[in-house]
Amino acid sequence: MSGTFASLVVLEAVLTAAAVLMVLYRGMLDLKEEDHIILGSAEAHLAREQDSIRRKVSALSRYLKVIGVAWGVLLFAIFGLWIAEGLNIV
């Protein structure tokens, strides 16, 4: 196993761990998000709290998409390198 291959596998593991942690955090935020109608001004603080949670979830979703694309590209690179090493091209 070459150094490049090992480095890519380690990077893949780090990205996977980051994605798992982000998904768990998003799940925790989703538990706090409530579906209800805020009728009065007395409940305005609840509306602000829910808006804050929604902004965090949407920002986290963007980062998860970026990590997903990077994960796919790395997976493709690892697979290509593995095939190349198997065929003794590299």
C-alpha atoms as a PDB file:
ATOM      1  CA  MET A   1       0.000   0.000   0.000  1.00  0.00           C
ATOM      2  CA  SER A   2       1.527   3.304  -1.092  1.00  0.00           C
ATOM      3  CA  GLY A   3       1.759   6.442   1.006  1.00  0.00           C
ATOM      4  CA  THR A   4      -0.675   8.262  -1.269  1.00  0.00           C
ATOM      5  CA  PHE A   5      -3.257   5.528  -0.881  1.00  0.00           C
ATOM      6  CA  ALA A   6      -2.889   5.510   2.912  1.00  0.00           C
ATOM      7  CA  SER A   7      -3.176   9.302   3.043  1.00  0.00           C
ATOM      8  CA  LEU A   8      -6.365   9.237   0.998  1.00  0.00           C
ATOM      9  CA  VAL A   9      -7.858   6.544   3.223  1.00  0.00           C
ATOM     10  CA  VAL A  10      -7.026   8.564   6.353  1.00  0.00           C
ATOM     11  CA  LEU A  11      -8.556  11.689   4.795  1.00  0.00           C
ATOM     12  CA  GLU A  12     -11.640   9.667   3.875  1.00  0.00           C
ATOM     13  CA  ALA A  13     -11.935   8.460   7.483  1.00  0.00           C
ATOM     14  CA  VAL A  14     -11.656  12.042   8.787  1.00  0.00           C
ATOM     15  CA  LEU A  15     -14.353  13.241   6.365  1.00  0.00           C
ATOM     16  CA  THR A  16     -16.589  10.336   7.341  1.00  0.00           C
ATOM     17  CA  ALA A  17     -16.169  11.121  11.047  1.00  0.00           C
ATOM     18  CA  ALA A  18     -16.931  14.803  10.411  1.00  0.00           C
ATOM     19  CA  ALA A  19     -20.047  13.897   8.421  1.00  0.00           C
ATOM     20  CA  VAL A  20     -21.281  11.542  11.145  1.00  0.00           C
ATOM     21  CA  LEU A  21     -20.785  14.208  13.819  1.00  0.00           C
ATOM     22  CA  MET A  22     -22.578  16.809  11.698  1.00  0.00           C
ATOM     23  CA  VAL A  23     -25.506  14.471  11.055  1.00  0.00           C
ATOM     24  CA  LEU A  24     -25.775  13.752  14.784  1.00  0.00           C
ATOM     25  CA  TYR A  25     -25.692  17.477  15.600  1.00  0.00           C
ATOM     26  CA  ARG A  26     -28.321  18.155  12.936  1.00  0.00           C
ATOM     27  CA  GLY A  27     -30.502  15.441  14.446  1.00  0.00           C
ATOM     28  CA  MET A  28     -30.168  17.074  17.849  1.00  0.00           C
ATOM     29  CA  LEU A  29     -31.181  20.424  16.348  1.00  0.00           C
ATOM     30  CA  ASP A  30     -34.128  18.816  14.578  1.00  0.00           C
ATOM     31  CA  LEU A  31     -35.366  17.513  17.921  1.00  0.00           C
ATOM     32  CA  LYS A  32     -35.506  21.091  19.220  1.00  0.00           C
ATOM     33  CA  GLU A  33     -37.363  22.360  16.170  1.00  0.00           C
ATOM     34  CA  GLU A  34     -41.095  22.498  16.757  1.00  0.00           C
ATOM     35  CA  ASP A  35     -44.014  22.738  14.378  1.00  0.00           C
ATOM     36  CA  HIS A  36     -46.497  25.166  15.860  1.00  0.00           C
ATOM     37  CA  ILE A  37     -48.061  28.481  15.081  1.00  0.00           C
ATOM     38  CA  ILE A  38     -47.016  31.446  17.191  1.00  0.00           C
ATOM     39  CA  LEU A  39     -50.089  33.568  17.689  1.00  0.00           C
ATOM     40  CA  GLY A  40     -49.199  36.216  20.230  1.00  0.00           C
ATOM     41  CA  SER A  41     -46.416  38.626  20.989  1.00  0.00           C
ATOM     42  CA  ALA A  42     -45.865  36.794  24.279  1.00  0.00           C
ATOM     43  CA  GLU A  43     -44.514  33.876  22.274  1.00  0.00           C
ATOM     44  CA  ALA A  44     -42.172  36.017  20.134  1.00  0.00           C
ATOM     45  CA  HIS A  45     -39.119  34.627  21.920  1.00  0.00           C
ATOM     46  CA  LEU A  46     -40.163  31.150  20.762  1.00  0.00           C
ATOM     47  CA  ALA A  47     -40.320  32.392  17.174  1.00  0.00           C
ATOM     48  CA  ARG A  48     -36.805  33.844  17.447  1.00  0.00           C
ATOM     49  CA  GLU A  49     -35.509  30.597  18.932  1.00  0.00           C
ATOM     50  CA  GLN A  50     -37.090  28.516  16.156  1.00  0.00           C
ATOM     51  CA  ASP A  51     -35.704  30.874  13.505  1.00  0.00           C
ATOM     52  CA  SER A  52     -32.229  30.477  14.995  1.00  0.00           C
ATOM     53  CA  ILE A  53     -32.573  26.692  14.913  1.00  0.00           C
ATOM     54  CA  ARG A  54     -33.753  26.780  11.288  1.00  0.00           C
ATOM     55  CA  ARG A  55     -30.763  28.924  10.278  1.00  0.00           C
ATOM     56  CA  LYS A  56     -28.358  26.520  11.988  1.00  0.00           C
ATOM     57  CA  VAL A  57     -29.950  23.505  10.304  1.00  0.00           C
ATOM     58  CA  SER A  58     -29.822  25.110   6.849  1.00  0.00           C
ATOM     59  CA  ALA A  59     -26.176  26.152   7.299  1.00  0.00           C
ATOM     60  CA  LEU A  60     -25.307  22.662   8.496  1.00  0.00           C
ATOM     61  CA  SER A  61     -27.093  21.177   5.484  1.00  0.00           C
ATOM     62  CA  ARG A  62     -24.885  23.193   3.121  1.00  0.00           C
ATOM     63  CA  TYR A  63     -21.736  21.937   4.854  1.00  0.00           C
ATOM     64  CA  LEU A  64     -23.040  18.378   4.723  1.00  0.00           C
ATOM     65  CA  LYS A  65     -23.538  18.687   0.964  1.00  0.00           C
ATOM     66  CA  VAL A  66     -19.951  19.927   0.547  1.00  0.00           C
ATOM     67  CA  ILE A  67     -18.600  17.080   2.668  1.00  0.00           C
ATOM     68  CA  GLY A  68     -20.733  14.619   0.709  1.00  0.00           C
ATOM     69  CA  VAL A  69     -19.282  15.798  -2.604  1.00  0.00           C
ATOM     70  CA  ALA A  70     -15.726  15.741  -1.217  1.00  0.00           C
ATOM     71  CA  TRP A  71     -16.356  12.263   0.195  1.00  0.00           C
ATOM     72  CA  GLY A  72     -17.542  11.022  -3.205  1.00  0.00           C
ATOM     73  CA  VAL A  73     -14.560  12.525  -5.036  1.00  0.00           C
ATOM     74  CA  LEU A  74     -12.150  10.985  -2.538  1.00  0.00           C
ATOM     75  CA  LEU A  75     -13.879   7.642  -2.789  1.00  0.00           C
ATOM     76  CA  PHE A  76     -13.523   7.752  -6.562  1.00  0.00           C
ATOM     77  CA  ALA A  77      -9.819   8.706  -6.245  1.00  0.00           C
ATOM     78  CA  ILE A  78      -9.171   5.898  -3.762  1.00  0.00           C
ATOM     79  CA  PHE A  79     -10.917   3.390  -5.992  1.00  0.00           C
ATOM     80  CA  GLY A  80      -8.960   4.566  -9.042  1.00  0.00           C
ATOM     81  CA  LEU A  81      -5.659   4.390  -7.173  1.00  0.00           C
ATOM     82  CA  TRP A  82      -6.525   0.943  -5.860  1.00  0.00           C
ATOM     83  CA  ILE A  83      -7.265  -0.279  -9.392  1.00  0.00           C
ATOM     84  CA  ALA A  84      -4.083   1.345 -10.727  1.00  0.00           C
ATOM     85  CA  GLU A  85      -1.965  -0.302  -8.027  1.00  0.00           C
ATOM     86  CA  GLY A  86      -3.666  -3.614  -8.700  1.00  0.00           C
ATOM     87  CA  LEU A  87      -2.781  -3.361 -12.383  1.00  0.00           C
ATOM     88  CA  ASN A  88       0.741  -2.162 -11.482  1.00  0.00           C
ATOM     89  CA  ILE A  89       0.294   1.029 -13.473  1.00  0.00           C
ATOM     90  CA  VAL A  90       1.470   3.324 -10.672  1.00  0.00           C
END
